[in-house]
Amino acid sequence: MSARDALIWVVAAMFAGVGVAGLVAPARVLAIFGVTVGTADGRSEVRAVYGGFGLAVAAVLGVAAAGGGEAREGILVAIGVAAAGMAAGRLVARAVEPPSGFWPVWFWFWVEAAMGVALLCAAWA
């Protein structure tokens, strides 16, 4: 396994971890950000976006890390840009309303930015 593939597996594991947490404990996922999810519809939304989407991204990254064939570069670029977009959204949020501190917003900004850069580098290396 190459270092690039190992890095892709690490990013896939991070998405999988968030995905499992989103499915199993949706209220706890958003509680990190001080958001209360008090309805079944709200928990369903967290399960879909954090849970289902996170696990789907992890699965697609697993395909890319395992070889991915002709789809490998496209997978890495698409997920890399998506992760970078999440980080960029946090920068916009910072301009509108500064977060209360490093945790959790800036922590996740750096995680998302690093994942985006890592995947784009893996795609184009």
Protein backbone atom coordinates (compact mmCIF):
# COMPACT_ATOMS: atom_id res chain seq x y z
CA MET A 1 0.00 0.00 0.00
CA SER A 2 1.35 3.40 -0.93
CA ALA A 3 1.48 6.37 1.43
CA ARG A 4 -1.19 8.06 -0.71
CA ASP A 5 -3.51 5.07 -0.34
CA ALA A 6 -2.91 4.99 3.42
CA LEU A 7 -3.82 8.68 3.63
CA ILE A 8 -7.01 8.06 1.67
CA TRP A 9 -7.90 5.25 4.09
CA VAL A 10 -7.35 7.63 7.03
CA VAL A 11 -9.73 10.20 5.52
CA ALA A 12 -12.23 7.42 4.75
CA ALA A 13 -12.04 6.29 8.38
CA MET A 14 -12.73 9.82 9.58
CA PHE A 15 -15.82 10.08 7.37
CA ALA A 16 -16.91 6.61 8.54
CA GLY A 17 -16.50 7.61 12.19
CA VAL A 18 -18.63 10.70 11.77
CA GLY A 19 -21.10 8.64 9.73
CA VAL A 20 -21.52 6.00 12.41
CA ALA A 21 -21.87 8.68 15.09
CA GLY A 22 -24.49 10.44 12.98
CA LEU A 23 -26.54 7.27 12.65
CA VAL A 24 -26.17 6.03 16.22
CA ALA A 25 -26.21 9.26 18.23
CA PRO A 26 -27.49 12.12 16.05
CA ALA A 27 -28.22 14.46 18.95
CA ARG A 28 -24.67 14.06 20.29
CA VAL A 29 -23.16 14.99 16.92
CA LEU A 30 -24.75 18.42 16.89
CA ALA A 31 -24.48 18.91 20.66
CA ILE A 32 -20.74 19.38 20.04
CA PHE A 33 -21.73 22.66 18.36
CA GLY A 34 -24.28 23.61 21.00
CA VAL A 35 -27.22 22.63 18.77
CA THR A 36 -30.16 20.77 20.25
CA VAL A 37 -31.94 18.22 18.08
CA GLY A 38 -35.25 17.69 19.83
CA THR A 39 -37.45 16.15 17.16
CA ALA A 40 -37.54 12.90 15.22
CA ASP A 41 -37.38 14.93 11.98
CA GLY A 42 -34.26 16.74 13.18
CA ARG A 43 -32.58 13.48 14.17
CA SER A 44 -33.55 12.02 10.80
CA GLU A 45 -31.81 14.93 9.08
CA VAL A 46 -28.63 14.38 11.07
CA ARG A 47 -28.76 10.66 10.34
CA ALA A 48 -29.10 11.39 6.62
CA VAL A 49 -26.49 14.15 6.25
CA TYR A 50 -23.90 13.15 8.82
CA GLY A 51 -24.68 9.44 8.93
CA GLY A 52 -25.68 8.21 5.49
CA PHE A 53 -23.66 10.73 3.53
CA GLY A 54 -20.58 10.23 5.72
CA LEU A 55 -20.69 6.46 5.26
CA ALA A 56 -21.27 6.80 1.52
CA VAL A 57 -18.25 9.09 1.23
CA ALA A 58 -16.17 6.65 3.26
CA ALA A 59 -17.22 3.80 0.97
CA VAL A 60 -16.36 5.71 -2.20
CA LEU A 61 -12.99 6.71 -0.73
CA GLY A 62 -12.42 3.04 0.08
CA VAL A 63 -13.00 2.23 -3.58
CA ALA A 64 -10.47 4.91 -4.55
CA ALA A 65 -7.90 3.70 -2.02
CA ALA A 66 -8.30 0.11 -3.22
CA GLY A 67 -7.49 1.14 -6.79
CA GLY A 68 -10.62 2.79 -8.08
CA GLY A 69 -9.79 2.22 -11.72
CA GLU A 70 -10.67 5.11 -13.99
CA ALA A 71 -12.89 6.63 -11.29
CA ARG A 72 -10.08 7.08 -8.74
CA GLU A 73 -9.03 10.61 -9.70
CA GLY A 74 -12.64 11.80 -10.00
CA ILE A 75 -13.54 10.38 -6.60
CA LEU A 76 -10.57 12.03 -4.94
CA VAL A 77 -11.17 15.38 -6.63
CA ALA A 78 -14.90 15.38 -5.86
CA ILE A 79 -14.50 14.48 -2.18
CA GLY A 80 -11.43 16.70 -1.82
CA VAL A 81 -13.32 19.69 -3.18
CA ALA A 82 -16.31 18.85 -0.97
CA ALA A 83 -14.12 18.76 2.15
CA ALA A 84 -12.46 22.02 1.14
CA GLY A 85 -15.92 23.48 0.60
CA MET A 86 -16.89 22.55 4.15
CA ALA A 87 -13.79 24.36 5.41
CA ALA A 88 -14.58 27.36 3.20
CA GLY A 89 -18.09 27.48 4.65
CA ARG A 90 -16.55 27.81 8.09
CA LEU A 91 -14.49 30.78 6.87
CA VAL A 92 -17.65 32.46 5.61
CA ALA A 93 -19.32 31.74 8.95
CA ARG A 94 -16.30 33.29 10.69
CA ALA A 95 -16.78 36.47 8.70
CA VAL A 96 -20.45 36.64 9.68
CA GLU A 97 -20.23 35.47 13.30
CA PRO A 98 -16.93 34.59 14.96
CA PRO A 99 -16.99 31.24 16.77
CA SER A 100 -16.60 31.15 20.53
CA GLY A 101 -13.18 29.51 20.44
CA PHE A 102 -10.97 26.91 18.79
CA TRP A 103 -13.23 23.97 19.68
CA PRO A 104 -15.24 22.84 17.82
CA VAL A 105 -15.45 25.14 14.79
CA TRP A 106 -11.76 25.85 14.17
CA PHE A 107 -10.81 22.28 15.01
CA TRP A 108 -13.15 20.99 12.30
CA PHE A 109 -12.05 23.73 9.90
CA TRP A 110 -8.48 22.42 10.08
CA VAL A 111 -9.59 18.79 9.81
CA GLU A 112 -11.72 19.53 6.74
CA ALA A 113 -9.05 21.68 5.12
CA ALA A 114 -6.41 19.00 5.70
CA MET A 115 -8.66 16.29 4.29
CA GLY A 116 -9.38 18.39 1.21
CA VAL A 117 -5.72 19.11 0.57
CA ALA A 118 -4.73 15.48 1.21
CA LEU A 119 -7.29 14.10 -1.23
CA LEU A 120 -6.46 16.64 -3.94
CA CYS A 121 -2.76 15.91 -3.55
CA ALA A 122 -3.47 12.18 -3.74
CA ALA A 123 -5.50 12.75 -6.91
CA TRP A 124 -2.85 14.77 -8.68
CA ALA A 125 0.39 13.26 -7.33
